[in-house]
PDB file of N, CA and C in Angstrom:
ATOM      1  N   MET A   1    -141.350 183.590 -52.109  1.00  0.00           N
ATOM      2  CA  MET A   1    -140.876 183.738 -50.752  1.00  0.00           C
ATOM      3  C   MET A   1    -139.812 182.699 -50.412  1.00  0.00           C
ATOM      4  N   GLY A   2    -139.829 181.555 -51.096  1.00  0.00           N
ATOM      5  CA  GLY A   2    -138.841 180.518 -50.839  1.00  0.00           C
ATOM      6  C   GLY A   2    -137.420 180.985 -51.114  1.00  0.00           C
ATOM      7  N   GLU A   3    -137.235 181.802 -52.148  1.00  0.00           N
ATOM      8  CA  GLU A   3    -135.907 182.308 -52.481  1.00  0.00           C
ATOM      9  C   GLU A   3    -135.365 183.179 -51.361  1.00  0.00           C
ATOM     10  N   VAL A   4    -136.206 184.024 -50.793  1.00  0.00           N
ATOM     11  CA  VAL A   4    -135.766 184.877 -49.688  1.00  0.00           C
ATOM     12  C   VAL A   4    -135.340 184.023 -48.512  1.00  0.00           C
ATOM     13  N   GLN A   5    -136.088 182.983 -48.203  1.00  0.00           N
ATOM     14  CA  GLN A   5    -135.723 182.094 -47.096  1.00  0.00           C
ATOM     15  C   GLN A   5    -134.378 181.431 -47.374  1.00  0.00           C
ATOM     16  N   ASP A   6    -134.140 181.005 -48.607  1.00  0.00           N
ATOM     17  CA  ASP A   6    -132.860 180.395 -48.958  1.00  0.00           C
ATOM     18  C   ASP A   6    -131.722 181.388 -48.751  1.00  0.00           C
ATOM     19  N   LEU A   7    -131.922 182.629 -49.128  1.00  0.00           N
ATOM     20  CA  LEU A   7    -130.905 183.659 -48.920  1.00  0.00           C
ATOM     21  C   LEU A   7    -130.676 183.891 -47.435  1.00  0.00           C
ATOM     22  N   GLU A   8    -131.737 183.909 -46.646  1.00  0.00           N
ATOM     23  CA  GLU A   8    -131.601 184.077 -45.194  1.00  0.00           C
ATOM     24  C   GLU A   8    -130.738 182.947 -44.623  1.00  0.00           C
ATOM     25  N   ASP A   9    -131.004 181.719 -45.039  1.00  0.00           N
ATOM     26  CA  ASP A   9    -130.212 180.576 -44.580  1.00  0.00           C
ATOM     27  C   ASP A   9    -128.754 180.723 -44.995  1.00  0.00           C
ATOM     28  N   PHE A  10    -128.531 181.117 -46.242  1.00  0.00           N
ATOM     29  CA  PHE A  10    -127.167 181.283 -46.748  1.00  0.00           C
ATOM     30  C   PHE A  10    -126.419 182.328 -45.934  1.00  0.00           C
ATOM     31  N   PHE A  11    -127.042 183.490 -45.720  1.00  0.00           N
ATOM     32  CA  PHE A  11    -126.377 184.564 -44.996  1.00  0.00           C
ATOM     33  C   PHE A  11    -126.122 184.187 -43.544  1.00  0.00           C
ATOM     34  N   SER A  12    -127.018 183.430 -42.942  1.00  0.00           N
ATOM     35  CA  SER A  12    -126.794 183.029 -41.553  1.00  0.00           C
ATOM     36  C   SER A  12    -125.641 182.035 -41.453  1.00  0.00           C
ATOM     37  N   GLN A  13    -125.428 181.220 -42.474  1.00  0.00           N
ATOM     38  CA  GLN A  13    -124.311 180.272 -42.486  1.00  0.00           C
ATOM     39  C   GLN A  13    -122.992 180.978 -42.762  1.00  0.00           C
ATOM     40  N   VAL A  14    -123.021 182.020 -43.569  1.00  0.00           N
ATOM     41  CA  VAL A  14    -121.813 182.748 -43.927  1.00  0.00           C
ATOM     42  C   VAL A  14    -121.299 183.548 -42.733  1.00  0.00           C
ATOM     43  N   ALA A  15    -122.198 183.925 -41.835  1.00  0.00           N
ATOM     44  CA  ALA A  15    -121.869 184.793 -40.693  1.00  0.00           C
ATOM     45  C   ALA A  15    -121.497 186.165 -41.217  1.00  0.00           C
ATOM     46  N   VAL A  16    -120.487 186.800 -40.641  1.00  0.00           N
ATOM     47  CA  VAL A  16    -120.109 188.146 -41.058  1.00  0.00           C
ATOM     48  C   VAL A  16    -119.103 188.096 -42.198  1.00  0.00           C
ATOM     49  N   GLU A  17    -118.150 187.165 -42.130  1.00  0.00           N
ATOM     50  CA  GLU A  17    -117.145 187.030 -43.186  1.00  0.00           C
ATOM     51  C   GLU A  17    -116.677 185.582 -43.219  1.00  0.00           C
ATOM     52  N   SER A  18    -116.564 185.026 -44.397  1.00  0.00           N
ATOM     53  CA  SER A  18    -116.051 183.665 -44.529  1.00  0.00           C
ATOM     54  C   SER A  18    -115.555 183.436 -45.951  1.00  0.00           C
ATOM     55  N   ASP A  19    -114.765 182.397 -46.118  1.00  0.00           N
ATOM     56  CA  ASP A  19    -114.297 181.982 -47.437  1.00  0.00           C
ATOM     57  C   ASP A  19    -115.103 180.754 -47.852  1.00  0.00           C
ATOM     58  N   GLN A  20    -115.638 180.791 -49.051  1.00  0.00           N
ATOM     59  CA  GLN A  20    -116.460 179.699 -49.569  1.00  0.00           C
ATOM     60  C   GLN A  20    -115.987 179.336 -50.967  1.00  0.00           C
ATOM     61  N   ARG A  21    -116.022 178.038 -51.279  1.00  0.00           N
ATOM     62  CA  ARG A  21    -115.661 177.572 -52.613  1.00  0.00           C
ATOM     63  C   ARG A  21    -116.934 177.455 -53.444  1.00  0.00           C
ATOM     64  N   MET A  22    -116.958 178.184 -54.573  1.00  0.00           N
ATOM     65  CA  MET A  22    -118.096 178.146 -55.494  1.00  0.00           C
ATOM     66  C   MET A  22    -117.576 178.254 -56.912  1.00  0.00           C
ATOM     67  N   PHE A  23    -118.184 177.504 -57.802  1.00  0.00           N
ATOM     68  CA  PHE A  23    -117.826 177.587 -59.228  1.00  0.00           C
ATOM     69  C   PHE A  23    -116.335 177.371 -59.452  1.00  0.00           C
ATOM     70  N   ASP A  24    -115.721 176.442 -58.726  1.00  0.00           N
ATOM     71  CA  ASP A  24    -114.290 176.124 -58.832  1.00  0.00           C
ATOM     72  C   ASP A  24    -113.389 177.303 -58.495  1.00  0.00           C
ATOM     73  N   ARG A  25    -113.878 178.259 -57.730  1.00  0.00           N
ATOM     74  CA  ARG A  25    -113.099 179.420 -57.283  1.00  0.00           C
ATOM     75  C   ARG A  25    -113.357 179.624 -55.791  1.00  0.00           C
ATOM     76  N   TRP A  26    -112.462 180.346 -55.134  1.00  0.00           N
ATOM     77  CA  TRP A  26    -112.651 180.721 -53.734  1.00  0.00           C
ATOM     78  C   TRP A  26    -113.115 182.164 -53.660  1.00  0.00           C
ATOM     79  N   PHE A  27    -114.146 182.404 -52.838  1.00  0.00           N
ATOM     80  CA  PHE A  27    -114.674 183.740 -52.637  1.00  0.00           C
ATOM     81  C   PHE A  27    -114.694 184.079 -51.154  1.00  0.00           C
ATOM     82  N   ARG A  28    -114.241 185.278 -50.823  1.00  0.00           N
ATOM     83  CA  ARG A  28    -114.431 185.802 -49.469  1.00  0.00           C
ATOM     84  C   ARG A  28    -115.741 186.564 -49.509  1.00  0.00           C
ATOM     85  N   ILE A  29    -116.651 186.166 -48.627  1.00  0.00           N
ATOM     86  CA  ILE A  29    -117.979 186.747 -48.605  1.00  0.00           C
ATOM     87  C   ILE A  29    -118.136 187.548 -47.318  1.00  0.00           C
ATOM     88  N   GLN A  30    -118.488 188.806 -47.471  1.00  0.00           N
ATOM     89  CA  GLN A  30    -118.725 189.682 -46.331  1.00  0.00           C
ATOM     90  C   GLN A  30    -120.184 190.122 -46.372  1.00  0.00           C
ATOM     91  N   VAL A  31    -120.879 189.950 -45.247  1.00  0.00           N
ATOM     92  CA  VAL A  31    -122.305 190.245 -45.178  1.00  0.00           C
ATOM     93  C   VAL A  31    -122.549 191.276 -44.082  1.00  0.00           C
ATOM     94  N   SER A  32    -123.317 192.292 -44.418  1.00  0.00           N
ATOM     95  CA  SER A  32    -123.744 193.303 -43.449  1.00  0.00           C
ATOM     96  C   SER A  32    -125.239 193.501 -43.607  1.00  0.00           C
ATOM     97  N   SER A  33    -125.943 193.532 -42.491  1.00  0.00           N
ATOM     98  CA  SER A  33    -127.377 193.796 -42.580  1.00  0.00           C
ATOM     99  C   SER A  33    -127.602 195.305 -42.659  1.00  0.00           C
ATOM    100  N   VAL A  34    -128.711 195.669 -43.269  1.00  0.00           N
ATOM    101  CA  VAL A  34    -129.085 197.068 -43.438  1.00  0.00           C
ATOM    102  C   VAL A  34    -130.241 197.351 -42.473  1.00  0.00           C
ATOM    103  N   ALA A  35    -130.201 198.496 -41.807  1.00  0.00           N
ATOM    104  CA  ALA A  35    -131.201 198.827 -40.790  1.00  0.00           C
ATOM    105  C   ALA A  35    -132.625 198.791 -41.337  1.00  0.00           C
ATOM    106  N   THR A  36    -132.798 199.128 -42.596  1.00  0.00           N
ATOM    107  CA  THR A  36    -134.142 199.149 -43.185  1.00  0.00           C
ATOM    108  C   THR A  36    -134.572 197.774 -43.692  1.00  0.00           C
ATOM    109  N   GLY A  37    -133.726 196.774 -43.502  1.00  0.00           N
ATOM    110  CA  GLY A  37    -134.014 195.416 -43.958  1.00  0.00           C
ATOM    111  C   GLY A  37    -133.137 195.047 -45.130  1.00  0.00           C
ATOM    112  N   GLY A  38    -132.817 193.786 -45.247  1.00  0.00           N
ATOM    113  CA  GLY A  38    -131.977 193.310 -46.331  1.00  0.00           C
ATOM    114  C   GLY A  38    -130.518 193.255 -45.938  1.00  0.00           C
ATOM    115  N   TYR A  39    -129.671 193.011 -46.921  1.00  0.00           N
ATOM    116  CA  TYR A  39    -128.250 192.801 -46.689  1.00  0.00           C
ATOM    117  C   TYR A  39    -127.422 193.483 -47.768  1.00  0.00           C
ATOM    118  N   ILE A  40    -126.201 193.821 -47.407  1.00  0.00           N
ATOM    119  CA  ILE A  40    -125.183 194.193 -48.375  1.00  0.00           C
ATOM    120  C   ILE A  40    -124.189 193.046 -48.367  1.00  0.00           C
ATOM    121  N   VAL A  41    -123.947 192.471 -49.543  1.00  0.00           N
ATOM    122  CA  VAL A  41    -123.066 191.312 -49.649  1.00  0.00           C
ATOM    123  C   VAL A  41    -121.962 191.634 -50.633  1.00  0.00           C
ATOM    124  N   VAL A  42    -120.706 191.403 -50.210  1.00  0.00           N
ATOM    125  CA  VAL A  42    -119.550 191.637 -51.065  1.00  0.00           C
ATOM    126  C   VAL A  42    -118.862 190.298 -51.305  1.00  0.00           C
ATOM    127  N   PHE A  43    -118.727 189.926 -52.583  1.00  0.00           N
ATOM    128  CA  PHE A  43    -118.008 188.715 -52.974  1.00  0.00           C
ATOM    129  C   PHE A  43    -116.664 189.145 -53.555  1.00  0.00           C
ATOM    130  N   SER A  44    -115.559 188.657 -52.982  1.00  0.00           N
ATOM    131  CA  SER A  44    -114.221 188.952 -53.496  1.00  0.00           C
ATOM    132  C   SER A  44    -113.556 187.639 -53.877  1.00  0.00           C
ATOM    133  N   ASP A  45    -113.093 187.537 -55.116  1.00  0.00           N
ATOM    134  CA  ASP A  45    -112.408 186.330 -55.578  1.00  0.00           C
ATOM    135  C   ASP A  45    -111.018 186.290 -54.944  1.00  0.00           C
ATOM    136  N   VAL A  46    -110.773 185.291 -54.093  1.00  0.00           N
ATOM    137  CA  VAL A  46    -109.490 185.163 -53.402  1.00  0.00           C
ATOM    138  C   VAL A  46    -108.761 183.890 -53.825  1.00  0.00           C
ATOM    139  N   SER A  47    -109.106 183.368 -55.002  1.00  0.00           N
ATOM    140  CA  SER A  47    -108.508 182.119 -55.480  1.00  0.00           C
ATOM    141  C   SER A  47    -106.993 182.226 -55.648  1.00  0.00           C
ATOM    142  N   ASP A  48    -106.527 183.307 -56.262  1.00  0.00           N
ATOM    143  CA  ASP A  48    -105.084 183.473 -56.460  1.00  0.00           C
ATOM    144  C   ASP A  48    -104.356 183.581 -55.122  1.00  0.00           C
ATOM    145  N   PHE A  49    -104.940 184.299 -54.179  1.00  0.00           N
ATOM    146  CA  PHE A  49    -104.352 184.417 -52.846  1.00  0.00           C
ATOM    147  C   PHE A  49    -104.247 183.033 -52.182  1.00  0.00           C
ATOM    148  N   LYS A  50    -105.302 182.229 -52.277  1.00  0.00           N
ATOM    149  CA  LYS A  50    -105.289 180.886 -51.684  1.00  0.00           C
ATOM    150  C   LYS A  50    -104.193 180.020 -52.329  1.00  0.00           C
ATOM    151  N   GLU A  51    -104.031 180.113 -53.647  1.00  0.00           N
ATOM    152  CA  GLU A  51    -102.990 179.337 -54.333  1.00  0.00           C
ATOM    153  C   GLU A  51    -101.602 179.765 -53.878  1.00  0.00           C
ATOM    154  N   GLN A  52    -101.364 181.056 -53.797  1.00  0.00           N
ATOM    155  CA  GLN A  52    -100.063 181.557 -53.350  1.00  0.00           C
ATOM    156  C   GLN A  52     -99.784 181.170 -51.902  1.00  0.00           C
ATOM    157  N   HIS A  53    -100.795 181.250 -51.072  1.00  0.00           N
ATOM    158  CA  HIS A  53    -100.634 180.925 -49.660  1.00  0.00           C
ATOM    159  C   HIS A  53    -100.305 179.435 -49.495  1.00  0.00           C
ATOM    160  N   LYS A  54    -100.918 178.592 -50.333  1.00  0.00           N
ATOM    161  CA  LYS A  54    -100.661 177.151 -50.274  1.00  0.00           C
ATOM    162  C   LYS A  54     -99.200 176.834 -50.621  1.00  0.00           C
ATOM    163  N   LYS A  55     -98.614 177.610 -51.550  1.00  0.00           N
ATOM    164  CA  LYS A  55     -97.239 177.379 -51.968  1.00  0.00           C
ATOM    165  C   LYS A  55     -96.230 177.778 -50.891  1.00  0.00           C
ATOM    166  N   LEU A  56     -96.616 178.696 -50.016  1.00  0.00           N
ATOM    167  CA  LEU A  56     -95.713 179.117 -48.942  1.00  0.00           C
ATOM    168  C   LEU A  56     -95.697 178.056 -47.916  1.00  0.00           C
TER     169      LEU A  56
END
């Protein structure tokens, strides 16, 4: 049950969409709750976009 609580904390910190640095990469994380319980989570690697944006 501890793992589920950790995930709940993580998802509440992420909110609906945010960029987070993990494993030396940047990820855009999008979280949606499901009516029957649980979450749908999409991780998109946006590291290249962040590098290009920094150069502009």
